[in-house]
Amino acid sequence: MLPAPSYQPASRRERRRRARFRVWNRIVLAIGYAAIAYNLVRGVMYLLVLAEEWL
């Protein structure tokens, strides 16, 4: 019979790096969503200005 594979948890450095990456990922996503929201609001304002000129 083969021995059970020994489970070796990730080193502390890898865990820390992964946690740091997770925080950085959230920051980048927040900035991306803020940019998308800003551009959507800007587009709606532009359309409202155009609609005002048409009427």
Protein backbone atom coordinates (compact mmCIF):
# COMPACT_ATOMS: atom_id res chain seq x y z
CA MET A 1 0.00 0.00 0.00
CA LEU A 2 1.18 3.53 -0.79
CA PRO A 3 1.63 5.97 2.10
CA ALA A 4 -0.83 8.87 2.26
CA PRO A 5 0.61 12.01 0.68
CA SER A 6 1.78 14.42 3.36
CA TYR A 7 -0.02 17.74 3.25
CA GLN A 8 2.32 20.69 3.45
CA PRO A 9 0.59 24.04 4.07
CA ALA A 10 1.79 27.04 2.09
CA SER A 11 4.64 28.99 3.59
CA ARG A 12 3.93 32.17 5.49
CA ARG A 13 5.47 34.30 2.76
CA GLU A 14 3.15 32.84 0.12
CA ARG A 15 0.12 33.41 2.33
CA ARG A 16 1.13 37.01 2.97
CA ARG A 17 1.71 37.61 -0.74
CA ARG A 18 -1.66 36.11 -1.59
CA ALA A 19 -3.41 38.31 1.00
CA ARG A 20 -1.61 41.40 -0.29
CA PHE A 21 -2.60 40.50 -3.85
CA ARG A 22 -6.22 40.12 -2.74
CA VAL A 23 -6.22 43.64 -1.25
CA TRP A 24 -4.56 45.10 -4.36
CA ASN A 25 -7.10 43.30 -6.55
CA ARG A 26 -9.99 44.88 -4.61
CA ILE A 27 -8.45 48.35 -4.95
CA VAL A 28 -8.03 47.93 -8.71
CA LEU A 29 -11.60 46.64 -9.08
CA ALA A 30 -12.98 49.57 -7.05
CA ILE A 31 -11.11 52.06 -9.24
CA GLY A 32 -12.38 50.30 -12.37
CA TYR A 33 -16.00 50.31 -11.19
CA ALA A 34 -15.70 54.00 -10.19
CA ALA A 35 -14.39 54.85 -13.67
CA ILE A 36 -17.25 52.96 -15.34
CA ALA A 37 -19.83 54.70 -13.10
CA TYR A 38 -18.27 58.10 -13.81
CA ASN A 39 -18.40 57.54 -17.56
CA LEU A 40 -22.00 56.33 -17.41
CA VAL A 41 -23.08 59.44 -15.48
CA ARG A 42 -21.12 61.62 -17.90
CA GLY A 43 -22.84 59.94 -20.87
CA VAL A 44 -26.29 60.42 -19.36
CA MET A 45 -25.54 64.11 -18.70
CA TYR A 46 -24.37 64.49 -22.31
CA LEU A 47 -27.56 62.87 -23.61
CA LEU A 48 -29.68 65.14 -21.41
CA VAL A 49 -27.91 68.21 -22.80
CA LEU A 50 -28.49 66.95 -26.35
CA ALA A 51 -32.16 66.23 -25.58
CA GLU A 52 -32.58 69.76 -24.21
CA GLU A 53 -31.22 71.21 -27.45
CA TRP A 54 -33.55 69.05 -29.55
CA LEU A 55 -36.69 70.17 -27.69
